[in-house]
């Protein structure tokens, strides 16, 4: 957790992406050479490099996220939490 910032963000990325029709949810699909979720996190860090970032994921994808972070040498620290049953629940718990 970053404590020197006045900013925090909750990235709600807990969906399974069923409508996309891919093997993995869209937040993990590559865009410009890396997963979309990494681009999102990097943009928030460009705004404030001390920002506190909380990422809500479906628990089935915690390991995938960890593997992708290793594969892409992605080392921006985020707090991972389990998303809710609905987007509203996820935002509320974040």
N, C-alpha and C. Protein backbone atom coordinates (compact mmCIF):
# COMPACT_ATOMS: atom_id res chain seq x y z
N UNK A 1 0.84 -1.17 0.00
CA UNK A 1 0.00 0.00 0.00
C UNK A 1 0.88 1.24 0.00
N UNK A 2 0.49 2.23 -0.78
CA UNK A 2 1.24 3.48 -0.87
C UNK A 2 0.57 4.49 0.05
N UNK A 3 1.32 5.04 0.99
CA UNK A 3 0.70 5.93 1.97
C UNK A 3 1.04 7.40 1.76
N UNK A 4 1.82 7.73 0.77
CA UNK A 4 2.23 9.11 0.55
C UNK A 4 1.31 9.86 -0.41
N UNK A 5 0.26 9.24 -0.86
CA UNK A 5 -0.63 9.85 -1.83
C UNK A 5 -1.97 10.19 -1.19
N UNK A 6 -2.59 11.21 -1.74
CA UNK A 6 -3.95 11.55 -1.34
C UNK A 6 -4.95 10.89 -2.27
N UNK A 7 -4.46 10.13 -3.22
CA UNK A 7 -5.32 9.52 -4.22
C UNK A 7 -5.40 8.01 -4.04
N UNK A 8 -6.55 7.48 -4.39
CA UNK A 8 -6.74 6.03 -4.41
C UNK A 8 -7.72 5.71 -5.53
N UNK A 9 -7.61 4.52 -6.05
CA UNK A 9 -8.50 4.09 -7.12
C UNK A 9 -8.87 2.63 -6.90
N UNK A 10 -10.12 2.32 -7.20
CA UNK A 10 -10.59 0.94 -7.21
C UNK A 10 -10.86 0.59 -8.67
N UNK A 11 -10.15 -0.38 -9.18
CA UNK A 11 -10.36 -0.84 -10.55
C UNK A 11 -11.21 -2.10 -10.48
N UNK A 12 -12.43 -1.98 -10.98
CA UNK A 12 -13.37 -3.10 -10.93
C UNK A 12 -13.13 -3.95 -12.18
N UNK A 13 -12.45 -5.07 -11.99
CA UNK A 13 -12.09 -5.95 -13.11
C UNK A 13 -12.45 -7.39 -12.79
N UNK A 14 -13.58 -7.56 -12.12
CA UNK A 14 -13.96 -8.89 -11.65
C UNK A 14 -14.82 -9.69 -12.60
N UNK A 15 -15.11 -9.12 -13.76
CA UNK A 15 -15.98 -9.83 -14.70
C UNK A 15 -15.28 -11.00 -15.36
N UNK A 16 -16.11 -11.90 -15.86
CA UNK A 16 -15.57 -13.06 -16.57
C UNK A 16 -15.49 -12.83 -18.08
N UNK A 17 -16.04 -11.72 -18.55
CA UNK A 17 -15.92 -11.36 -19.96
C UNK A 17 -16.59 -12.32 -20.91
N UNK A 18 -17.71 -12.87 -20.53
CA UNK A 18 -18.38 -13.88 -21.35
C UNK A 18 -18.84 -13.32 -22.70
N UNK A 19 -19.25 -12.06 -22.74
CA UNK A 19 -19.75 -11.48 -23.99
C UNK A 19 -18.66 -11.32 -25.03
N UNK A 20 -17.42 -11.21 -24.61
CA UNK A 20 -16.31 -11.04 -25.55
C UNK A 20 -16.08 -12.31 -26.35
N UNK A 21 -16.35 -13.45 -25.74
CA UNK A 21 -16.19 -14.73 -26.43
C UNK A 21 -14.77 -15.24 -26.48
N UNK A 22 -13.87 -14.64 -25.71
CA UNK A 22 -12.47 -15.09 -25.68
C UNK A 22 -12.30 -16.16 -24.60
N UNK A 23 -11.15 -16.78 -24.59
CA UNK A 23 -10.85 -17.81 -23.58
C UNK A 23 -10.61 -17.21 -22.20
N UNK A 24 -10.24 -15.94 -22.17
CA UNK A 24 -9.98 -15.25 -20.89
C UNK A 24 -10.75 -13.92 -20.90
N UNK A 25 -11.02 -13.36 -19.73
CA UNK A 25 -11.72 -12.07 -19.67
C UNK A 25 -10.94 -10.96 -20.36
N UNK A 26 -11.69 -9.97 -20.85
CA UNK A 26 -11.07 -8.91 -21.65
C UNK A 26 -10.00 -8.12 -20.92
N UNK A 27 -10.08 -8.01 -19.59
CA UNK A 27 -9.06 -7.26 -18.86
C UNK A 27 -7.67 -7.90 -18.98
N UNK A 28 -7.63 -9.17 -19.36
CA UNK A 28 -6.36 -9.87 -19.50
C UNK A 28 -5.92 -10.03 -20.96
N UNK A 29 -6.77 -9.63 -21.89
CA UNK A 29 -6.42 -9.74 -23.30
C UNK A 29 -5.32 -8.74 -23.65
N UNK A 30 -4.40 -9.13 -24.52
CA UNK A 30 -3.32 -8.22 -24.88
C UNK A 30 -3.80 -7.06 -25.75
N UNK A 31 -3.26 -5.92 -25.47
CA UNK A 31 -3.51 -4.71 -26.24
C UNK A 31 -2.19 -3.95 -26.27
N UNK A 32 -1.65 -3.75 -27.44
CA UNK A 32 -0.37 -3.05 -27.52
C UNK A 32 0.75 -3.78 -26.81
N UNK A 33 0.70 -5.10 -26.82
CA UNK A 33 1.80 -5.89 -26.28
C UNK A 33 1.69 -6.31 -24.83
N UNK A 34 0.60 -5.94 -24.14
CA UNK A 34 0.42 -6.39 -22.76
C UNK A 34 -1.07 -6.34 -22.40
N UNK A 35 -1.45 -7.02 -21.33
CA UNK A 35 -2.86 -7.05 -20.95
C UNK A 35 -3.44 -5.66 -20.67
N UNK A 36 -4.71 -5.49 -21.05
CA UNK A 36 -5.40 -4.20 -20.87
C UNK A 36 -5.34 -3.70 -19.44
N UNK A 37 -5.48 -4.59 -18.48
CA UNK A 37 -5.47 -4.17 -17.07
C UNK A 37 -4.15 -3.51 -16.70
N UNK A 38 -3.06 -3.96 -17.26
CA UNK A 38 -1.76 -3.34 -16.98
C UNK A 38 -1.70 -1.92 -17.51
N UNK A 39 -2.27 -1.70 -18.69
CA UNK A 39 -2.33 -0.34 -19.24
C UNK A 39 -3.12 0.58 -18.30
N UNK A 40 -4.23 0.08 -17.79
CA UNK A 40 -5.08 0.87 -16.89
C UNK A 40 -4.31 1.26 -15.63
N UNK A 41 -3.65 0.30 -15.03
CA UNK A 41 -2.89 0.55 -13.80
C UNK A 41 -1.76 1.55 -14.07
N UNK A 42 -1.07 1.38 -15.18
CA UNK A 42 0.03 2.30 -15.52
C UNK A 42 -0.46 3.73 -15.70
N UNK A 43 -1.63 3.90 -16.30
CA UNK A 43 -2.16 5.25 -16.51
C UNK A 43 -2.45 5.94 -15.18
N UNK A 44 -2.99 5.20 -14.22
CA UNK A 44 -3.22 5.79 -12.91
C UNK A 44 -1.90 6.17 -12.24
N UNK A 45 -0.88 5.34 -12.41
CA UNK A 45 0.43 5.64 -11.82
C UNK A 45 1.10 6.83 -12.50
N UNK A 46 0.82 7.05 -13.78
CA UNK A 46 1.33 8.24 -14.46
C UNK A 46 0.71 9.50 -13.87
N UNK A 47 -0.55 9.41 -13.47
CA UNK A 47 -1.23 10.53 -12.84
C UNK A 47 -0.63 10.83 -11.47
N UNK A 48 -0.36 9.76 -10.70
CA UNK A 48 0.18 9.91 -9.34
C UNK A 48 0.95 8.63 -9.04
N UNK A 49 2.28 8.72 -9.00
CA UNK A 49 3.08 7.51 -8.81
C UNK A 49 2.99 6.95 -7.40
N UNK A 50 2.30 7.64 -6.50
CA UNK A 50 2.12 7.13 -5.14
C UNK A 50 0.67 6.72 -4.89
N UNK A 51 -0.14 6.67 -5.93
CA UNK A 51 -1.56 6.36 -5.78
C UNK A 51 -1.76 4.96 -5.20
N UNK A 52 -2.75 4.83 -4.36
CA UNK A 52 -3.11 3.51 -3.83
C UNK A 52 -4.05 2.85 -4.83
N UNK A 53 -3.70 1.65 -5.27
CA UNK A 53 -4.48 0.95 -6.28
C UNK A 53 -5.05 -0.33 -5.70
N UNK A 54 -6.36 -0.45 -5.81
CA UNK A 54 -7.06 -1.67 -5.40
C UNK A 54 -7.67 -2.26 -6.67
N UNK A 55 -7.39 -3.52 -6.93
CA UNK A 55 -7.94 -4.19 -8.11
C UNK A 55 -8.85 -5.31 -7.63
N UNK A 56 -10.09 -5.26 -8.10
CA UNK A 56 -11.03 -6.32 -7.77
C UNK A 56 -11.05 -7.31 -8.93
N UNK A 57 -10.81 -8.56 -8.59
CA UNK A 57 -10.80 -9.64 -9.58
C UNK A 57 -11.69 -10.77 -9.11
N UNK A 58 -12.18 -11.53 -10.05
CA UNK A 58 -12.85 -12.79 -9.71
C UNK A 58 -11.77 -13.71 -9.15
N UNK A 59 -12.06 -14.44 -8.08
CA UNK A 59 -11.02 -15.28 -7.46
C UNK A 59 -10.43 -16.32 -8.40
N UNK A 60 -11.18 -16.72 -9.42
CA UNK A 60 -10.65 -17.70 -10.39
C UNK A 60 -9.46 -17.15 -11.17
N UNK A 61 -9.27 -15.83 -11.16
CA UNK A 61 -8.24 -15.22 -12.00
C UNK A 61 -7.08 -14.61 -11.22
N UNK A 62 -7.03 -14.83 -9.92
CA UNK A 62 -5.89 -14.33 -9.14
C UNK A 62 -4.58 -14.94 -9.63
N UNK A 63 -4.57 -16.24 -9.85
CA UNK A 63 -3.35 -16.91 -10.31
C UNK A 63 -2.96 -16.45 -11.71
N UNK A 64 -3.95 -16.28 -12.58
CA UNK A 64 -3.66 -15.80 -13.93
C UNK A 64 -3.01 -14.41 -13.86
N UNK A 65 -3.55 -13.53 -13.03
CA UNK A 65 -2.97 -12.19 -12.89
C UNK A 65 -1.53 -12.27 -12.40
N UNK A 66 -1.30 -13.12 -11.42
CA UNK A 66 0.06 -13.29 -10.90
C UNK A 66 1.00 -13.79 -11.99
N UNK A 67 0.55 -14.76 -12.77
CA UNK A 67 1.36 -15.29 -13.86
C UNK A 67 1.65 -14.22 -14.92
N UNK A 68 0.63 -13.43 -15.25
CA UNK A 68 0.82 -12.36 -16.25
C UNK A 68 1.80 -11.31 -15.74
N UNK A 69 1.71 -10.98 -14.46
CA UNK A 69 2.65 -10.00 -13.89
C UNK A 69 4.08 -10.50 -14.01
N UNK A 70 4.29 -11.78 -13.77
CA UNK A 70 5.64 -12.35 -13.92
C UNK A 70 6.06 -12.35 -15.39
N UNK A 71 5.15 -12.78 -16.25
CA UNK A 71 5.47 -12.87 -17.68
C UNK A 71 5.84 -11.51 -18.27
N UNK A 72 5.17 -10.46 -17.85
CA UNK A 72 5.41 -9.13 -18.39
C UNK A 72 6.29 -8.26 -17.49
N UNK A 73 6.89 -8.87 -16.47
CA UNK A 73 7.74 -8.14 -15.51
C UNK A 73 7.03 -6.89 -15.00
N UNK A 74 5.77 -7.06 -14.65
CA UNK A 74 4.92 -5.97 -14.17
C UNK A 74 5.03 -5.92 -12.65
N UNK A 75 5.60 -4.84 -12.14
CA UNK A 75 5.88 -4.81 -10.70
C UNK A 75 5.20 -3.67 -9.95
N UNK A 76 4.18 -3.06 -10.55
CA UNK A 76 3.42 -2.04 -9.83
C UNK A 76 2.57 -2.74 -8.79
N UNK A 77 2.71 -2.33 -7.55
CA UNK A 77 2.02 -2.99 -6.45
C UNK A 77 0.56 -2.56 -6.39
N UNK A 78 -0.30 -3.55 -6.29
CA UNK A 78 -1.74 -3.34 -6.18
C UNK A 78 -2.27 -4.26 -5.10
N UNK A 79 -3.31 -3.80 -4.44
CA UNK A 79 -4.00 -4.68 -3.50
C UNK A 79 -5.09 -5.41 -4.27
N UNK A 80 -5.05 -6.73 -4.26
CA UNK A 80 -6.08 -7.52 -4.93
C UNK A 80 -7.16 -7.89 -3.94
N UNK A 81 -8.41 -7.69 -4.35
CA UNK A 81 -9.53 -8.13 -3.52
C UNK A 81 -10.52 -8.87 -4.40
N UNK A 82 -11.35 -9.67 -3.77
CA UNK A 82 -12.35 -10.46 -4.48
C UNK A 82 -13.53 -9.57 -4.82
N UNK A 83 -13.94 -9.61 -6.07
CA UNK A 83 -15.10 -8.85 -6.51
C UNK A 83 -16.39 -9.44 -5.96
N UNK A 84 -17.44 -8.65 -5.99
CA UNK A 84 -18.75 -9.09 -5.51
C UNK A 84 -19.52 -9.84 -6.58
N UNK A 85 -20.75 -10.21 -6.24
CA UNK A 85 -21.61 -10.93 -7.18
C UNK A 85 -22.09 -10.04 -8.31
N UNK A 86 -22.17 -8.75 -8.06
CA UNK A 86 -22.57 -7.78 -9.08
C UNK A 86 -21.55 -6.65 -9.10
N UNK A 87 -21.59 -5.85 -10.15
CA UNK A 87 -20.67 -4.71 -10.22
C UNK A 87 -20.91 -3.76 -9.04
N UNK A 88 -22.17 -3.54 -8.69
CA UNK A 88 -22.50 -2.69 -7.54
C UNK A 88 -21.83 -3.23 -6.28
N UNK A 89 -21.94 -4.54 -6.04
CA UNK A 89 -21.32 -5.15 -4.86
C UNK A 89 -19.80 -4.98 -4.88
N UNK A 90 -19.21 -5.12 -6.06
CA UNK A 90 -17.76 -4.97 -6.18
C UNK A 90 -17.31 -3.56 -5.85
N UNK A 91 -18.01 -2.58 -6.39
CA UNK A 91 -17.65 -1.19 -6.13
C UNK A 91 -17.84 -0.87 -4.66
N UNK A 92 -18.92 -1.35 -4.09
CA UNK A 92 -19.21 -1.10 -2.67
C UNK A 92 -18.11 -1.69 -1.77
N UNK A 93 -17.67 -2.91 -2.07
CA UNK A 93 -16.65 -3.55 -1.22
C UNK A 93 -15.27 -2.95 -1.43
N UNK A 94 -15.04 -2.36 -2.60
CA UNK A 94 -13.74 -1.75 -2.89
C UNK A 94 -13.54 -0.49 -2.10
